[in-house]
Amino acid sequence: MHYLIKDNIPGKYLIKVFAKEGAEEETPHSHEYLQLWYVVRGSCTHTVKQHTYTYTRGGVMIIPSGVEHSIVSEESTLRICCEFSERFVSETLDGDVLDVLYLEPFLLGEHLLENVFRVGKKFESEVEQILYDMIEEYRSNTKYTGIFLKANLLKLLAIIAREYDKSANDGKEALLLRYRSGMERALQHIETQLSEKLYLADVCKTATISQTAFSELFKQMTGKTFSEYVSDRRVALACEKLSKTSDSLLEIALASGFGDAAYFSRTFKRRLGITPSEYRNRYGK
């Protein structure tokens, strides 16, 4: 079943906020709006395309539009749901588009559901108060309700996004620490093989890390992609040879791993803004 905004979110605000208590089992369904679930007590389980996620107090599940899922909660569970359209938070009340960059993590799709996200302990009370205030305001339905709900939803998403970024960064740092020795072996391998052909697959084998994980860790560690880093190191090696030897440009190109003089000259100028000959004239013996 697929729920539409016009059928499930009544009124003019494109947002619905409500609490649910007790045991419940929903059949698989999807909707054309975003859905944020927060557990106040007990536990709740979401199944998203055969993957199951269980979360307790402080746990947040954000379901993007179009993603099929089902929900099971136990008898003691109290959870709050906020259903809203992307347009509700990406536009002001007069229709102007807002630059709401912190919504990006929630709008990228189903891969965001790989791990259950928890609000930090110090923010649990604040998040819950915001949600309870939103429920009360939604029920009151005054002429200011739209403004109030928008302001509080943006605040709520900002808190969650900030905590999400912090937990993601902590995870990346832990992963880099775990594989640091392998990454250092990879960097040493690159240094010793600069004059030869370098393949990402071979460097990953040296580090004993998968290519996907290696590429992410390498960018985190060096600030550059694998190809950018190798190219910069080869240019640095060529600079040293240009300033300290009288070798020909072809000899330097081959010794630095560029393969031919023409490619060497193009890459060198693109990186440093001057040709190898100009560099030698300035910095050579």
C-alpha atoms as a PDB file:
ATOM      1  CA  MET A   1       0.000   0.000   0.000  1.00  0.00           C
ATOM      2  CA  HIS A   2       1.239   3.520  -0.834  1.00  0.00           C
ATOM      3  CA  TYR A   3      -0.165   6.473   1.126  1.00  0.00           C
ATOM      4  CA  LEU A   4      -0.570   9.877  -0.530  1.00  0.00           C
ATOM      5  CA  ILE A   5      -0.269  13.237   1.215  1.00  0.00           C
ATOM      6  CA  LYS A   6      -3.818  14.251   0.309  1.00  0.00           C
ATOM      7  CA  ASP A   7      -5.209  11.057   1.849  1.00  0.00           C
ATOM      8  CA  ASN A   8      -3.122  10.827   5.023  1.00  0.00           C
ATOM      9  CA  ILE A   9      -2.075  14.388   5.984  1.00  0.00           C
ATOM     10  CA  PRO A  10      -5.242  16.485   6.223  1.00  0.00           C
ATOM     11  CA  GLY A  11      -5.331  20.272   6.317  1.00  0.00           C
ATOM     12  CA  LYS A  12      -3.123  22.931   4.782  1.00  0.00           C
ATOM     13  CA  TYR A  13       0.139  22.422   6.680  1.00  0.00           C
ATOM     14  CA  LEU A  14       1.529  19.290   4.918  1.00  0.00           C
ATOM     15  CA  ILE A  15       2.528  17.946   8.328  1.00  0.00           C
ATOM     16  CA  LYS A  16       0.956  15.613  10.879  1.00  0.00           C
ATOM     17  CA  VAL A  17       2.223  14.939  14.425  1.00  0.00           C
ATOM     18  CA  PHE A  18       0.805  12.271  16.721  1.00  0.00           C
ATOM     19  CA  ALA A  19       1.677   9.750  19.445  1.00  0.00           C
ATOM     20  CA  LYS A  20       1.012   6.000  19.426  1.00  0.00           C
ATOM     21  CA  GLU A  21       0.988   3.772  22.478  1.00  0.00           C
ATOM     22  CA  GLY A  22       0.827   0.005  22.905  1.00  0.00           C
ATOM     23  CA  ALA A  23       1.388  -3.038  20.735  1.00  0.00           C
ATOM     24  CA  GLU A  24       0.940  -2.640  16.999  1.00  0.00           C
ATOM     25  CA  GLU A  25       1.844  -4.492  13.828  1.00  0.00           C
ATOM     26  CA  GLU A  26       1.608  -2.643  10.519  1.00  0.00           C
ATOM     27  CA  THR A  27       1.718  -4.412   7.159  1.00  0.00           C
ATOM     28  CA  PRO A  28       4.336  -3.341   4.552  1.00  0.00           C
ATOM     29  CA  HIS A  29       3.564   0.049   3.067  1.00  0.00           C
ATOM     30  CA  SER A  30       5.154   3.237   1.722  1.00  0.00           C
ATOM     31  CA  HIS A  31       4.168   6.890   1.443  1.00  0.00           C
ATOM     32  CA  GLU A  32       4.959   9.949  -0.644  1.00  0.00           C
ATOM     33  CA  TYR A  33       6.136  11.959   2.362  1.00  0.00           C
ATOM     34  CA  LEU A  34       8.885  11.644   4.967  1.00  0.00           C
ATOM     35  CA  GLN A  35       8.159   9.976   8.278  1.00  0.00           C
ATOM     36  CA  LEU A  36      10.112  10.467  11.520  1.00  0.00           C
ATOM     37  CA  TRP A  37       9.561   8.024  14.397  1.00  0.00           C
ATOM     38  CA  TYR A  38      10.934   8.626  17.879  1.00  0.00           C
ATOM     39  CA  VAL A  39      10.626   6.115  20.743  1.00  0.00           C
ATOM     40  CA  VAL A  40       9.839   7.598  24.174  1.00  0.00           C
ATOM     41  CA  ARG A  41       9.666   4.236  25.955  1.00  0.00           C
ATOM     42  CA  GLY A  42       9.587   0.536  25.144  1.00  0.00           C
ATOM     43  CA  SER A  43      10.901  -0.664  21.808  1.00  0.00           C
ATOM     44  CA  CYS A  44       9.904  -0.544  18.178  1.00  0.00           C
ATOM     45  CA  THR A  45      11.055  -2.551  15.173  1.00  0.00           C
ATOM     46  CA  HIS A  46      11.061  -1.402  11.557  1.00  0.00           C
ATOM     47  CA  THR A  47      11.568  -3.826   8.688  1.00  0.00           C
ATOM     48  CA  VAL A  48      12.836  -2.171   5.528  1.00  0.00           C
ATOM     49  CA  LYS A  49      13.226  -4.465   2.523  1.00  0.00           C
ATOM     50  CA  GLN A  50      14.063  -7.539   4.638  1.00  0.00           C
ATOM     51  CA  HIS A  51      16.410  -5.614   6.962  1.00  0.00           C
ATOM     52  CA  THR A  52      15.237  -5.265  10.567  1.00  0.00           C
ATOM     53  CA  TYR A  53      16.069  -2.357  12.891  1.00  0.00           C
ATOM     54  CA  THR A  54      15.085  -2.278  16.577  1.00  0.00           C
ATOM     55  CA  TYR A  55      15.339   0.894  18.648  1.00  0.00           C
ATOM     56  CA  THR A  56      14.458   1.988  22.176  1.00  0.00           C
ATOM     57  CA  ARG A  57      14.247   5.366  23.957  1.00  0.00           C
ATOM     58  CA  GLY A  58      16.150   8.033  22.042  1.00  0.00           C
ATOM     59  CA  GLY A  59      16.096   5.953  18.869  1.00  0.00           C
ATOM     60  CA  VAL A  60      15.126   7.768  15.676  1.00  0.00           C
ATOM     61  CA  MET A  61      14.043   6.226  12.394  1.00  0.00           C
ATOM     62  CA  ILE A  62      13.549   8.514   9.398  1.00  0.00           C
ATOM     63  CA  ILE A  63      11.765   6.849   6.483  1.00  0.00           C
ATOM     64  CA  PRO A  64      12.284   8.568   3.103  1.00  0.00           C
ATOM     65  CA  SER A  65       9.364   8.754   0.708  1.00  0.00           C
ATOM     66  CA  GLY A  66       8.729   5.733  -1.472  1.00  0.00           C
ATOM     67  CA  VAL A  67      10.565   3.232   0.755  1.00  0.00           C
ATOM     68  CA  GLU A  68       8.465   0.202   1.696  1.00  0.00           C
ATOM     69  CA  HIS A  69       8.568  -0.723   5.376  1.00  0.00           C
ATOM     70  CA  SER A  70       6.573  -2.312   8.191  1.00  0.00           C
ATOM     71  CA  ILE A  71       6.417  -1.612  11.939  1.00  0.00           C
ATOM     72  CA  VAL A  72       6.026  -3.765  15.043  1.00  0.00           C
ATOM     73  CA  SER A  73       5.870  -2.305  18.560  1.00  0.00           C
ATOM     74  CA  GLU A  74       5.438  -3.981  21.952  1.00  0.00           C
ATOM     75  CA  GLU A  75       2.740  -3.340  24.552  1.00  0.00           C
ATOM     76  CA  SER A  76       4.833  -0.934  26.657  1.00  0.00           C
ATOM     77  CA  THR A  77       5.887   1.218  23.697  1.00  0.00           C
ATOM     78  CA  LEU A  78       5.173   4.931  23.397  1.00  0.00           C
ATOM     79  CA  ARG A  79       6.358   6.472  20.145  1.00  0.00           C
ATOM     80  CA  ILE A  80       5.838   9.802  18.426  1.00  0.00           C
ATOM     81  CA  CYS A  81       5.524  10.206  14.683  1.00  0.00           C
ATOM     82  CA  CYS A  82       5.970  13.288  12.550  1.00  0.00           C
ATOM     83  CA  GLU A  83       4.858  12.947   8.929  1.00  0.00           C
ATOM     84  CA  PHE A  84       5.755  15.809   6.605  1.00  0.00           C
ATOM     85  CA  SER A  85       6.419  16.636   2.987  1.00  0.00           C
ATOM     86  CA  GLU A  86       9.855  17.737   1.834  1.00  0.00           C
ATOM     87  CA  ARG A  87       8.175  20.900   0.541  1.00  0.00           C
ATOM     88  CA  PHE A  88       6.995  21.789   4.060  1.00  0.00           C
ATOM     89  CA  VAL A  89      10.575  22.270   5.261  1.00  0.00           C
ATOM     90  CA  SER A  90      12.224  23.363   2.002  1.00  0.00           C
ATOM     91  CA  GLU A  91       9.933  26.335   1.418  1.00  0.00           C
ATOM     92  CA  THR A  92       8.968  29.311   3.511  1.00  0.00           C
ATOM     93  CA  LEU A  93       5.299  30.007   4.087  1.00  0.00           C
ATOM     94  CA  ASP A  94       5.228  32.434   1.136  1.00  0.00           C
ATOM     95  CA  GLY A  95       6.772  29.872  -1.218  1.00  0.00           C
ATOM     96  CA  ASP A  96      10.438  30.998  -1.262  1.00  0.00           C
ATOM     97  CA  VAL A  97      12.943  28.147  -1.183  1.00  0.00           C
ATOM     98  CA  LEU A  98      15.095  27.887   1.939  1.00  0.00           C
ATOM     99  CA  ASP A  99      18.702  26.684   1.936  1.00  0.00           C
ATOM    100  CA  VAL A 100      18.105  23.857   4.415  1.00  0.00           C
ATOM    101  CA  LEU A 101      21.378  21.976   3.967  1.00  0.00           C
ATOM    102  CA  TYR A 102      20.996  19.979   7.153  1.00  0.00           C
ATOM    103  CA  LEU A 103      18.096  18.083   5.576  1.00  0.00           C
ATOM    104  CA  GLU A 104      20.470  16.478   3.060  1.00  0.00           C
ATOM    105  CA  PRO A 105      21.241  13.349   5.160  1.00  0.00           C
ATOM    106  CA  PHE A 106      17.514  12.571   5.337  1.00  0.00           C
ATOM    107  CA  LEU A 107      16.755  12.986   1.631  1.00  0.00           C
ATOM    108  CA  LEU A 108      19.421  10.772   0.060  1.00  0.00           C
ATOM    109  CA  GLY A 109      17.497   7.534   0.148  1.00  0.00           C
ATOM    110  CA  GLU A 110      17.266   4.136   1.711  1.00  0.00           C
ATOM    111  CA  HIS A 111      20.989   3.644   2.483  1.00  0.00           C
ATOM    112  CA  LEU A 112      20.501   5.996   5.438  1.00  0.00           C
ATOM    113  CA  LEU A 113      18.595   3.236   7.192  1.00  0.00           C
ATOM    114  CA  GLU A 114      21.653   0.993   7.518  1.00  0.00           C
ATOM    115  CA  ASN A 115      21.996   1.822  11.216  1.00  0.00           C
ATOM    116  CA  VAL A 116      19.547   2.908  13.877  1.00  0.00           C
ATOM    117  CA  PHE A 117      20.378   6.438  14.976  1.00  0.00           C
ATOM    118  CA  ARG A 118      20.182   7.461  18.652  1.00  0.00           C
ATOM    119  CA  VAL A 119      19.839  10.976  19.965  1.00  0.00           C
ATOM    120  CA  GLY A 120      22.497  11.635  22.617  1.00  0.00           C
ATOM    121  CA  LYS A 121      21.342  11.326  26.230  1.00  0.00           C
ATOM    122  CA  LYS A 122      21.687  15.049  26.861  1.00  0.00           C
ATOM    123  CA  PHE A 123      19.306  15.818  23.984  1.00  0.00           C
ATOM    124  CA  GLU A 124      16.595  13.221  24.737  1.00  0.00           C
ATOM    125  CA  SER A 125      14.543  15.524  26.984  1.00  0.00           C
ATOM    126  CA  GLU A 126      14.856  18.465  24.573  1.00  0.00           C
ATOM    127  CA  VAL A 127      13.794  16.374  21.562  1.00  0.00           C
ATOM    128  CA  GLU A 128      10.851  14.888  23.451  1.00  0.00           C
ATOM    129  CA  GLN A 129       9.693  18.324  24.620  1.00  0.00           C
ATOM    130  CA  ILE A 130       9.809  19.643  21.057  1.00  0.00           C
ATOM    131  CA  LEU A 131       7.722  16.700  19.847  1.00  0.00           C
ATOM    132  CA  TYR A 132       5.149  17.074  22.643  1.00  0.00           C
ATOM    133  CA  ASP A 133       4.899  20.818  21.907  1.00  0.00           C
ATOM    134  CA  MET A 134       4.334  20.001  18.237  1.00  0.00           C
ATOM    135  CA  ILE A 135       1.545  17.543  19.087  1.00  0.00           C
ATOM    136  CA  GLU A 136      -0.180  20.143  21.261  1.00  0.00           C
ATOM    137  CA  GLU A 137       0.158  22.827  18.599  1.00  0.00           C
ATOM    138  CA  TYR A 138      -1.069  20.488  15.849  1.00  0.00           C
ATOM    139  CA  ARG A 139      -4.197  19.780  17.888  1.00  0.00           C
ATOM    140  CA  SER A 140      -4.801  23.481  18.634  1.00  0.00           C
ATOM    141  CA  ASN A 141      -4.917  24.361  14.904  1.00  0.00           C
ATOM    142  CA  THR A 142      -4.652  28.154  15.240  1.00  0.00           C
ATOM    143  CA  LYS A 143      -3.661  30.615  12.519  1.00  0.00           C
ATOM    144  CA  TYR A 144      -0.055  30.405  13.779  1.00  0.00           C
ATOM    145  CA  THR A 145       0.129  26.619  13.805  1.00  0.00           C
ATOM    146  CA  GLY A 146       1.980  26.368  10.475  1.00  0.00           C
ATOM    147  CA  ILE A 147       4.718  28.772  11.593  1.00  0.00           C
ATOM    148  CA  PHE A 148       5.089  27.039  14.960  1.00  0.00           C
ATOM    149  CA  LEU A 149       5.285  23.550  13.445  1.00  0.00           C
ATOM    150  CA  LYS A 150       7.793  24.607  10.796  1.00  0.00           C
ATOM    151  CA  ALA A 151      10.077  26.300  13.320  1.00  0.00           C
ATOM    152  CA  ASN A 152      10.034  23.335  15.676  1.00  0.00           C
ATOM    153  CA  LEU A 153      10.473  20.739  12.948  1.00  0.00           C
ATOM    154  CA  LEU A 154      13.497  22.614  11.592  1.00  0.00           C
ATOM    155  CA  LYS A 155      14.950  22.797  15.100  1.00  0.00           C
ATOM    156  CA  LEU A 156      14.303  19.096  15.637  1.00  0.00           C
ATOM    157  CA  LEU A 157      15.944  18.123  12.340  1.00  0.00           C
ATOM    158  CA  ALA A 158      18.898  20.413  13.064  1.00  0.00           C
ATOM    159  CA  ILE A 159      19.505  18.682  16.422  1.00  0.00           C
ATOM    160  CA  ILE A 160      19.276  15.235  14.839  1.00  0.00           C
ATOM    161  CA  ALA A 161      21.472  16.196  11.870  1.00  0.00           C
ATOM    162  CA  ARG A 162      24.144  17.630  14.167  1.00  0.00           C
ATOM    163  CA  GLU A 163      24.163  14.462  16.271  1.00  0.00           C
ATOM    164  CA  TYR A 164      24.148  12.329  13.105  1.00  0.00           C
ATOM    165  CA  ASP A 165      27.230  14.131  11.770  1.00  0.00           C
ATOM    166  CA  LYS A 166      29.033  13.778  15.088  1.00  0.00           C
ATOM    167  CA  SER A 167      28.380  10.029  15.299  1.00  0.00           C
ATOM    168  CA  ALA A 168      29.391   9.558  11.650  1.00  0.00           C
ATOM    169  CA  ASN A 169      32.665  11.426  12.194  1.00  0.00           C
ATOM    170  CA  ASP A 170      33.408   9.434  15.342  1.00  0.00           C
ATOM    171  CA  GLY A 171      32.840   6.237  13.373  1.00  0.00           C
ATOM    172  CA  LYS A 172      35.186   7.326  10.593  1.00  0.00           C
ATOM    173  CA  GLU A 173      37.927   8.196  13.076  1.00  0.00           C
ATOM    174  CA  ALA A 174      37.572   4.796  14.763  1.00  0.00           C
ATOM    175  CA  LEU A 175      37.750   3.038  11.390  1.00  0.00           C
ATOM    176  CA  LEU A 176      40.879   4.945  10.400  1.00  0.00           C
ATOM    177  CA  LEU A 177      42.521   4.090  13.725  1.00  0.00           C
ATOM    178  CA  ARG A 178      41.690   0.429  13.210  1.00  0.00           C
ATOM    179  CA  TYR A 179      43.244   0.305   9.728  1.00  0.00           C
ATOM    180  CA  ARG A 180      46.031   2.849  10.191  1.00  0.00           C
ATOM    181  CA  SER A 181      48.863   0.303   9.949  1.00  0.00           C
ATOM    182  CA  GLY A 182      47.447  -1.009   6.666  1.00  0.00           C
ATOM    183  CA  MET A 183      47.077   2.521   5.291  1.00  0.00           C
ATOM    184  CA  GLU A 184      50.654   3.329   6.259  1.00  0.00           C
ATOM    185  CA  ARG A 185      51.821   0.201   4.403  1.00  0.00           C
ATOM    186  CA  ALA A 186      49.884   1.417   1.375  1.00  0.00           C
ATOM    187  CA  LEU A 187      51.530   4.861   1.500  1.00  0.00           C
ATOM    188  CA  GLN A 188      54.978   3.260   1.779  1.00  0.00           C
ATOM    189  CA  HIS A 189      54.173   0.990  -1.162  1.00  0.00           C
ATOM    190  CA  ILE A 190      53.184   4.019  -3.256  1.00  0.00           C
ATOM    191  CA  GLU A 191      56.450   5.794  -2.398  1.00  0.00           C
ATOM    192  CA  THR A 192      58.607   2.837  -3.393  1.00  0.00           C
ATOM    193  CA  GLN A 193      56.686   2.206  -6.632  1.00  0.00           C
ATOM    194  CA  LEU A 194      56.275   5.761  -7.965  1.00  0.00           C
ATOM    195  CA  SER A 195      58.409   5.016 -11.023  1.00  0.00           C
ATOM    196  CA  GLU A 196      56.300   1.953 -11.866  1.00  0.00           C
ATOM    197  CA  LYS A 197      52.669   1.518 -12.859  1.00  0.00           C
ATOM    198  CA  LEU A 198      50.480   1.740  -9.781  1.00  0.00           C
ATOM    199  CA  TYR A 199      47.098   0.026  -9.607  1.00  0.00           C
ATOM    200  CA  LEU A 200      44.565   0.682  -6.874  1.00  0.00           C
ATOM    201  CA  ALA A 201      43.785  -3.035  -6.560  1.00  0.00           C
ATOM    202  CA  ASP A 202      47.443  -3.853  -5.824  1.00  0.00           C
ATOM    203  CA  VAL A 203      47.746  -1.084  -3.234  1.00  0.00           C
ATOM    204  CA  CYS A 204      44.575  -2.337  -1.508  1.00  0.00           C
ATOM    205  CA  LYS A 205      46.075  -5.825  -1.322  1.00  0.00           C
ATOM    206  CA  THR A 206      49.143  -4.358   0.365  1.00  0.00           C
ATOM    207  CA  ALA A 207      46.878  -2.659   2.904  1.00  0.00           C
ATOM    208  CA  THR A 208      44.617  -5.755   3.182  1.00  0.00           C
ATOM    209  CA  ILE A 209      41.571  -3.479   2.855  1.00  0.00           C
ATOM    210  CA  SER A 210      38.707  -3.618   0.349  1.00  0.00           C
ATOM    211  CA  GLN A 211      38.771  -1.032  -2.437  1.00  0.00           C
ATOM    212  CA  THR A 212      35.596   0.682  -1.209  1.00  0.00           C
ATOM    213  CA  ALA A 213      36.862   1.065   2.357  1.00  0.00           C
ATOM    214  CA  PHE A 214      40.360   1.969   1.165  1.00  0.00           C
ATOM    215  CA  SER A 215      39.154   4.808  -1.064  1.00  0.00           C
ATOM    216  CA  GLU A 216      37.173   6.387   1.777  1.00  0.00           C
ATOM    217  CA  LEU A 217      39.958   5.965   4.334  1.00  0.00           C
ATOM    218  CA  PHE A 218      42.596   7.201   1.891  1.00  0.00           C
ATOM    219  CA  LYS A 219      40.659  10.417   1.220  1.00  0.00           C
ATOM    220  CA  GLN A 220      40.150  10.888   4.947  1.00  0.00           C
ATOM    221  CA  MET A 221      43.848  10.317   5.687  1.00  0.00           C
ATOM    222  CA  THR A 222      45.404  12.332   2.847  1.00  0.00           C
ATOM    223  CA  GLY A 223      42.672  14.737   1.790  1.00  0.00           C
ATOM    224  CA  LYS A 224      43.055  13.471  -1.791  1.00  0.00           C
ATOM    225  CA  THR A 225      41.843  10.660  -4.002  1.00  0.00           C
ATOM    226  CA  PHE A 226      44.253   7.848  -4.844  1.00  0.00           C
ATOM    227  CA  SER A 227      44.961   9.197  -8.361  1.00  0.00           C
ATOM    228  CA  GLU A 228      45.399  12.777  -7.116  1.00  0.00           C
ATOM    229  CA  TYR A 229      47.824  11.666  -4.430  1.00  0.00           C
ATOM    230  CA  VAL A 230      49.916   9.523  -6.785  1.00  0.00           C
ATOM    231  CA  SER A 231      50.070  12.317  -9.359  1.00  0.00           C
ATOM    232  CA  ASP A 232      51.163  14.858  -6.725  1.00  0.00           C
ATOM    233  CA  ARG A 233      53.849  12.534  -5.349  1.00  0.00           C
ATOM    234  CA  ARG A 234      55.199  11.914  -8.855  1.00  0.00           C
ATOM    235  CA  VAL A 235      55.342  15.642  -9.543  1.00  0.00           C
ATOM    236  CA  ALA A 236      57.184  16.143  -6.224  1.00  0.00           C
ATOM    237  CA  LEU A 237      59.693  13.435  -7.184  1.00  0.00           C
ATOM    238  CA  ALA A 238      60.167  15.074 -10.590  1.00  0.00           C
ATOM    239  CA  CYS A 239      60.739  18.457  -8.919  1.00  0.00           C
ATOM    240  CA  GLU A 240      63.522  16.964  -6.836  1.00  0.00           C
ATOM    241  CA  LYS A 241      65.195  15.464  -9.921  1.00  0.00           C
ATOM    242  CA  LEU A 242      64.789  18.677 -11.939  1.00  0.00           C
ATOM    243  CA  SER A 243      66.480  20.730  -9.231  1.00  0.00           C
ATOM    244  CA  LYS A 244      69.263  18.262  -8.324  1.00  0.00           C
ATOM    245  CA  THR A 245      70.169  16.414 -11.532  1.00  0.00           C
ATOM    246  CA  SER A 246      70.950  17.148 -15.161  1.00  0.00           C
ATOM    247  CA  ASP A 247      68.835  14.236 -16.412  1.00  0.00           C
ATOM    248  CA  SER A 248      66.759  14.845 -19.537  1.00  0.00           C
ATOM    249  CA  LEU A 249      63.019  15.473 -19.284  1.00  0.00           C
ATOM    250  CA  LEU A 250      62.341  12.019 -20.717  1.00  0.00           C
ATOM    251  CA  GLU A 251      64.594  10.367 -18.138  1.00  0.00           C
ATOM    252  CA  ILE A 252      62.909  12.275 -15.341  1.00  0.00           C
ATOM    253  CA  ALA A 253      59.459  11.483 -16.722  1.00  0.00           C
ATOM    254  CA  LEU A 254      60.213   7.751 -16.787  1.00  0.00           C
ATOM    255  CA  ALA A 255      61.902   7.762 -13.386  1.00  0.00           C
ATOM    256  CA  SER A 256      58.879   9.553 -11.901  1.00  0.00           C
ATOM    257  CA  GLY A 257      56.338   7.142 -13.359  1.00  0.00           C
ATOM    258  CA  PHE A 258      54.813   9.337 -16.074  1.00  0.00           C
ATOM    259  CA  GLY A 259      55.559   7.058 -19.021  1.00  0.00           C
ATOM    260  CA  ASP A 260      56.439   9.751 -21.582  1.00  0.00           C
ATOM    261  CA  ALA A 261      57.714  13.327 -21.660  1.00  0.00           C
ATOM    262  CA  ALA A 262      54.565  14.864 -23.178  1.00  0.00           C
ATOM    263  CA  TYR A 263      52.244  13.487 -20.490  1.00  0.00           C
ATOM    264  CA  PHE A 264      54.792  14.477 -17.843  1.00  0.00           C
ATOM    265  CA  SER A 265      54.922  18.078 -19.104  1.00  0.00           C
ATOM    266  CA  ARG A 266      51.119  18.407 -19.258  1.00  0.00           C
ATOM    267  CA  THR A 267      50.618  17.028 -15.769  1.00  0.00           C
ATOM    268  CA  PHE A 268      53.462  19.067 -14.316  1.00  0.00           C
ATOM    269  CA  LYS A 269      52.139  22.346 -15.713  1.00  0.00           C
ATOM    270  CA  ARG A 270      48.589  21.553 -14.646  1.00  0.00           C
ATOM    271  CA  ARG A 271      49.765  20.943 -11.089  1.00  0.00           C
ATOM    272  CA  LEU A 272      52.327  23.743 -10.685  1.00  0.00           C
ATOM    273  CA  GLY A 273      51.426  26.264 -13.372  1.00  0.00           C
ATOM    274  CA  ILE A 274      54.852  26.159 -15.042  1.00  0.00           C
ATOM    275  CA  THR A 275      56.620  23.692 -17.346  1.00  0.00           C
ATOM    276  CA  PRO A 276      59.375  21.327 -16.142  1.00  0.00           C
ATOM    277  CA  SER A 277      61.955  23.387 -18.063  1.00  0.00           C
ATOM    278  CA  GLU A 278      60.800  26.594 -16.415  1.00  0.00           C
ATOM    279  CA  TYR A 279      60.972  24.903 -13.010  1.00  0.00           C
ATOM    280  CA  ARG A 280      64.553  23.742 -13.703  1.00  0.00           C
ATOM    281  CA  ASN A 281      65.572  27.233 -14.810  1.00  0.00           C
ATOM    282  CA  ARG A 282      64.233  28.697 -11.559  1.00  0.00           C
ATOM    283  CA  TYR A 283      65.280  26.080  -9.027  1.00  0.00           C
ATOM    284  CA  GLY A 284      68.008  24.007 -10.672  1.00  0.00           C
ATOM    285  CA  LYS A 285      71.679  24.023  -9.804  1.00  0.00           C
END
